[in-house]
Amino acid sequence: MNASTAKQPNPSSACAAKGAKCYQAAAVVSDLLERLLRETARDGMVRVEDAVKILKLISRGTYELDVAFEHQEKKCRGDLAQARDKASSRNNPFRRMMVRPFETLLNGDPPHYPRPLLGNYFEVLESAYTEKYAEYDRTSKALMQALLVAHGHNLQWEAFYAEPRVSQIMAHALKRLLRFLDTPSGQRTWLTTMSRPAPSGLRPSAEQVDSVRETLSHTLRGLEIMTPPAAAAMATAP
């Protein structure tokens, strides 16, 4: 094997030039492999046996790779966090809106209320709103589109939540939800649905379920102080 052939155009350069990061992880390995091959080469040549030893060394992991991959992971997590901050028409704005009150419960390691359990909560919403759910959904999507036109695709979720009409819709929807949960049917739906295990087998505790209910109530009280009843009613008007 000729070590001079180990130097090939870095595919991540062209990829990164287009704003993509598809080859950065592979580049970490290829850069280390190239350096080890060059260090092992004699008169520009590397024996196959030596190349195999280098490949096995890399496959077992090295301190250098550990550091590089840790750096890459942190960078990817940062990029992902930025992407999550951007609002998009591909997202479900009404669902995002109704999770907003207890969003902090979804964070942490481990989170107080794991994301795989959100399916139970969304099922409760559909039971509470029945045909009204589609109206909330249409109104929220129309509002999202209007904000995207005004802000462009750099619209952040924080800007979406700061829109007064979003607070009005949320207050109206939360009030309807909590009113439903005060009925015998609503209490039964909440207890049976929210205690159901996720597809992964993860089962919520009573404390986790209660914390979601409590946070929803606190949020509604805060929104009612800020949102006039008339404005909340107009927010969902066709």
Protein backbone atom coordinates (compact mmCIF):
# COMPACT_ATOMS: atom_id res chain seq x y z
CA MET A 1 0.00 0.00 0.00
CA ASN A 2 1.42 3.39 -0.98
CA ALA A 3 0.99 5.88 1.87
CA SER A 4 0.87 8.77 -0.55
CA THR A 5 -2.47 7.50 -1.80
CA ALA A 6 -3.92 7.83 1.71
CA LYS A 7 -4.34 11.58 1.19
CA GLN A 8 -7.70 11.90 -0.56
CA PRO A 9 -10.01 14.91 -0.94
CA ASN A 10 -11.90 15.34 2.29
CA PRO A 11 -15.61 14.73 1.44
CA SER A 12 -16.68 16.70 4.50
CA SER A 13 -15.20 19.87 2.99
CA ALA A 14 -17.60 19.89 0.05
CA CYS A 15 -20.44 18.78 2.29
CA ALA A 16 -19.76 21.48 4.88
CA ALA A 17 -19.46 24.08 2.13
CA LYS A 18 -23.11 23.44 1.39
CA GLY A 19 -24.04 23.83 5.03
CA ALA A 20 -24.38 20.08 5.65
CA LYS A 21 -22.49 18.05 8.24
CA CYS A 22 -23.02 14.55 6.88
CA TYR A 23 -19.36 13.45 6.83
CA GLN A 24 -17.89 15.17 9.87
CA ALA A 25 -17.97 12.07 12.07
CA ALA A 26 -16.34 9.98 9.35
CA ALA A 27 -13.69 12.67 8.89
CA VAL A 28 -12.61 12.25 12.52
CA VAL A 29 -11.76 8.60 11.84
CA SER A 30 -10.24 9.15 8.39
CA ASP A 31 -7.96 11.93 9.64
CA LEU A 32 -6.61 9.71 12.42
CA LEU A 33 -6.22 6.79 10.01
CA GLU A 34 -4.26 8.94 7.56
CA ARG A 35 -1.90 10.18 10.28
CA LEU A 36 -1.20 6.67 11.58
CA LEU A 37 -0.59 5.37 8.06
CA ARG A 38 1.88 8.14 7.35
CA GLU A 39 3.70 7.53 10.66
CA THR A 40 3.95 3.80 9.89
CA ALA A 41 5.02 4.18 6.24
CA ARG A 42 8.57 3.28 5.19
CA ASP A 43 9.70 4.80 1.91
CA GLY A 44 6.10 5.75 1.20
CA MET A 45 4.85 2.17 1.63
CA VAL A 46 2.74 0.49 4.34
CA ARG A 47 2.55 -3.26 4.75
CA VAL A 48 -0.92 -4.80 4.71
CA GLU A 49 -0.24 -6.35 8.14
CA ASP A 50 0.57 -2.93 9.59
CA ALA A 51 -2.54 -1.41 8.01
CA VAL A 52 -4.69 -4.15 9.56
CA LYS A 53 -3.13 -3.46 12.99
CA ILE A 54 -3.95 0.24 12.62
CA LEU A 55 -7.55 -0.53 11.66
CA LYS A 56 -7.96 -2.83 14.66
CA LEU A 57 -6.45 -0.18 16.92
CA ILE A 58 -8.97 2.39 15.69
CA SER A 59 -11.88 -0.05 16.02
CA ARG A 60 -11.00 -0.58 19.70
CA GLY A 61 -11.04 3.17 20.26
CA THR A 62 -8.33 5.58 21.32
CA TYR A 63 -8.16 8.53 23.69
CA GLU A 64 -7.86 10.84 20.69
CA LEU A 65 -11.05 9.42 19.18
CA ASP A 66 -12.86 9.67 22.51
CA VAL A 67 -12.04 13.36 22.75
CA ALA A 68 -12.92 14.01 19.09
CA PHE A 69 -16.26 12.21 19.26
CA GLU A 70 -17.16 13.91 22.53
CA HIS A 71 -16.51 17.27 20.88
CA GLN A 72 -18.54 16.20 17.84
CA GLU A 73 -21.45 15.06 20.04
CA LYS A 74 -21.54 18.39 21.88
CA LYS A 75 -21.51 20.24 18.56
CA CYS A 76 -24.34 18.12 17.18
CA ARG A 77 -26.41 18.60 20.33
CA GLY A 78 -25.93 22.35 19.99
CA ASP A 79 -27.03 22.28 16.35
CA LEU A 80 -30.05 20.17 17.28
CA ALA A 81 -31.02 22.59 20.05
CA GLN A 82 -30.90 25.49 17.59
CA ALA A 83 -33.09 23.58 15.15
CA ARG A 84 -35.62 22.86 17.89
CA ASP A 85 -35.82 26.55 18.65
CA LYS A 86 -37.01 27.32 15.13
CA ALA A 87 -40.72 27.12 14.47
CA SER A 88 -41.80 25.34 11.31
CA SER A 89 -45.02 24.69 9.46
CA ARG A 90 -44.06 21.01 9.56
CA ASN A 91 -44.57 21.00 13.32
CA ASN A 92 -47.96 20.67 14.97
CA PRO A 93 -48.37 24.13 16.54
CA PHE A 94 -51.47 23.26 18.58
CA ARG A 95 -49.81 20.24 20.17
CA ARG A 96 -46.68 22.29 20.86
CA MET A 97 -48.88 24.96 22.39
CA MET A 98 -50.61 22.50 24.71
CA VAL A 99 -47.30 20.97 25.84
CA ARG A 100 -45.81 24.40 26.51
CA PRO A 101 -47.16 24.65 30.11
CA PHE A 102 -45.17 21.62 31.29
CA GLU A 103 -42.30 21.76 28.78
CA THR A 104 -39.74 21.99 31.58
CA LEU A 105 -40.93 18.62 32.90
CA LEU A 106 -39.69 17.05 29.66
CA ASN A 107 -36.11 18.15 30.30
CA GLY A 108 -33.49 16.79 32.65
CA ASP A 109 -31.71 13.48 32.98
CA PRO A 110 -33.92 11.70 33.65
CA PRO A 111 -36.83 13.99 32.77
CA HIS A 112 -39.63 14.34 35.29
CA TYR A 113 -42.13 13.48 32.55
CA PRO A 114 -40.53 11.52 29.67
CA ARG A 115 -41.47 12.47 26.10
CA PRO A 116 -42.60 8.93 25.12
CA LEU A 117 -45.58 9.47 27.45
CA LEU A 118 -46.85 12.50 25.51
CA GLY A 119 -48.99 10.23 23.33
CA ASN A 120 -51.24 9.60 26.33
CA TYR A 121 -51.66 13.33 26.89
CA PHE A 122 -52.53 13.98 23.24
CA GLU A 123 -55.16 11.25 23.42
CA VAL A 124 -56.73 13.01 26.40
CA LEU A 125 -56.82 16.26 24.42
CA GLU A 126 -58.70 14.62 21.56
CA SER A 127 -61.21 13.12 24.01
CA ALA A 128 -61.69 16.49 25.72
CA TYR A 129 -62.17 18.56 22.57
CA THR A 130 -63.91 16.06 20.26
CA GLU A 131 -64.86 18.05 17.10
CA LYS A 132 -63.41 21.23 18.63
CA TYR A 133 -59.93 19.72 18.31
CA ALA A 134 -59.95 20.19 14.52
CA GLU A 135 -60.94 23.85 14.96
CA TYR A 136 -58.10 24.48 17.41
CA ASP A 137 -55.73 22.74 15.03
CA ARG A 138 -56.82 24.82 12.00
CA THR A 139 -56.67 28.08 13.94
CA SER A 140 -53.19 27.33 15.28
CA LYS A 141 -51.85 26.36 11.85
CA ALA A 142 -53.32 29.49 10.27
CA LEU A 143 -51.67 31.59 12.95
CA MET A 144 -48.36 29.80 12.40
CA GLN A 145 -48.55 30.49 8.66
CA ALA A 146 -49.26 34.17 9.28
CA LEU A 147 -46.26 34.44 11.60
CA LEU A 148 -44.02 32.62 9.11
CA VAL A 149 -45.02 35.14 6.46
CA ALA A 150 -44.18 38.00 8.82
CA HIS A 151 -40.95 36.56 10.28
CA GLY A 152 -39.77 34.19 7.55
CA HIS A 153 -38.27 30.80 8.29
CA ASN A 154 -36.17 32.28 11.09
CA LEU A 155 -39.26 32.35 13.29
CA GLN A 156 -38.32 31.08 16.74
CA TRP A 157 -40.70 29.17 18.97
CA GLU A 158 -40.25 31.80 21.67
CA ALA A 159 -41.56 34.44 19.23
CA PHE A 160 -44.50 32.16 18.44
CA TYR A 161 -45.37 31.74 22.12
CA ALA A 162 -44.99 35.49 22.70
CA GLU A 163 -47.74 36.22 20.15
CA PRO A 164 -50.85 37.41 22.10
CA ARG A 165 -53.18 35.32 19.95
CA VAL A 166 -51.27 32.18 20.95
CA SER A 167 -51.85 32.96 24.62
CA GLN A 168 -55.52 33.52 23.87
CA ILE A 169 -55.91 30.18 22.12
CA MET A 170 -53.98 28.40 24.87
CA ALA A 171 -56.14 29.96 27.60
CA HIS A 172 -59.33 29.00 25.78
CA ALA A 173 -58.14 25.42 25.17
CA LEU A 174 -56.82 24.91 28.70
CA LYS A 175 -60.05 26.14 30.22
CA ARG A 176 -62.04 23.72 28.09
CA LEU A 177 -59.66 20.87 28.95
CA LEU A 178 -59.75 21.44 32.71
CA ARG A 179 -63.52 21.82 32.66
CA PHE A 180 -63.69 18.41 30.97
CA LEU A 181 -61.32 16.91 33.55
CA ASP A 182 -63.64 18.03 36.35
CA THR A 183 -66.44 15.81 34.99
CA PRO A 184 -66.72 12.11 35.95
CA SER A 185 -66.04 11.13 32.33
CA GLY A 186 -63.03 13.43 32.16
CA GLN A 187 -61.59 12.14 35.43
CA ARG A 188 -61.95 8.57 34.22
CA THR A 189 -60.33 9.41 30.86
CA TRP A 190 -57.44 11.22 32.53
CA LEU A 191 -56.68 8.45 35.03
CA THR A 192 -56.94 5.54 32.61
CA THR A 193 -55.19 7.22 29.66
CA MET A 194 -52.42 9.07 31.48
CA SER A 195 -51.45 5.97 33.50
CA ARG A 196 -51.11 3.83 30.38
CA PRO A 197 -47.55 2.63 29.61
CA ALA A 198 -45.74 3.94 26.56
CA PRO A 199 -45.04 1.55 23.62
CA SER A 200 -41.53 1.10 25.06
CA GLY A 201 -43.05 -0.22 28.29
CA LEU A 202 -42.30 2.93 30.27
CA ARG A 203 -45.08 3.45 32.81
CA PRO A 204 -45.78 6.88 34.36
CA SER A 205 -46.04 7.26 38.11
CA ALA A 206 -49.00 8.93 39.83
CA GLU A 207 -46.68 11.77 40.84
CA GLN A 208 -45.68 12.42 37.22
CA VAL A 209 -49.30 12.50 36.08
CA ASP A 210 -50.32 14.78 38.94
CA SER A 211 -47.48 17.21 38.17
CA VAL A 212 -48.77 17.63 34.61
CA ARG A 213 -52.32 18.32 35.82
CA GLU A 214 -51.09 20.78 38.44
CA THR A 215 -48.92 22.64 35.93
CA LEU A 216 -51.85 22.97 33.51
CA SER A 217 -53.98 24.51 36.26
CA HIS A 218 -51.25 26.98 37.28
CA THR A 219 -50.73 27.99 33.65
CA LEU A 220 -54.42 28.67 33.12
CA ARG A 221 -54.58 30.88 36.19
CA GLY A 222 -51.63 32.89 34.90
CA LEU A 223 -53.11 33.20 31.41
CA GLU A 224 -56.50 34.32 32.74
CA ILE A 225 -54.82 37.20 34.51
CA MET A 226 -53.11 38.30 31.30
CA THR A 227 -55.84 37.41 28.77
CA PRO A 228 -59.24 39.16 28.80
CA PRO A 229 -62.11 36.64 28.44
CA ALA A 230 -63.46 38.39 25.34
CA ALA A 231 -60.10 38.16 23.61
CA ALA A 232 -59.79 34.47 24.44
CA ALA A 233 -63.19 33.80 22.91
CA MET A 234 -62.33 35.74 19.76
CA ALA A 235 -59.05 33.82 19.35
CA THR A 236 -60.86 30.66 18.24
CA ALA A 237 -63.56 32.36 16.21
CA PRO A 238 -63.62 31.33 12.53
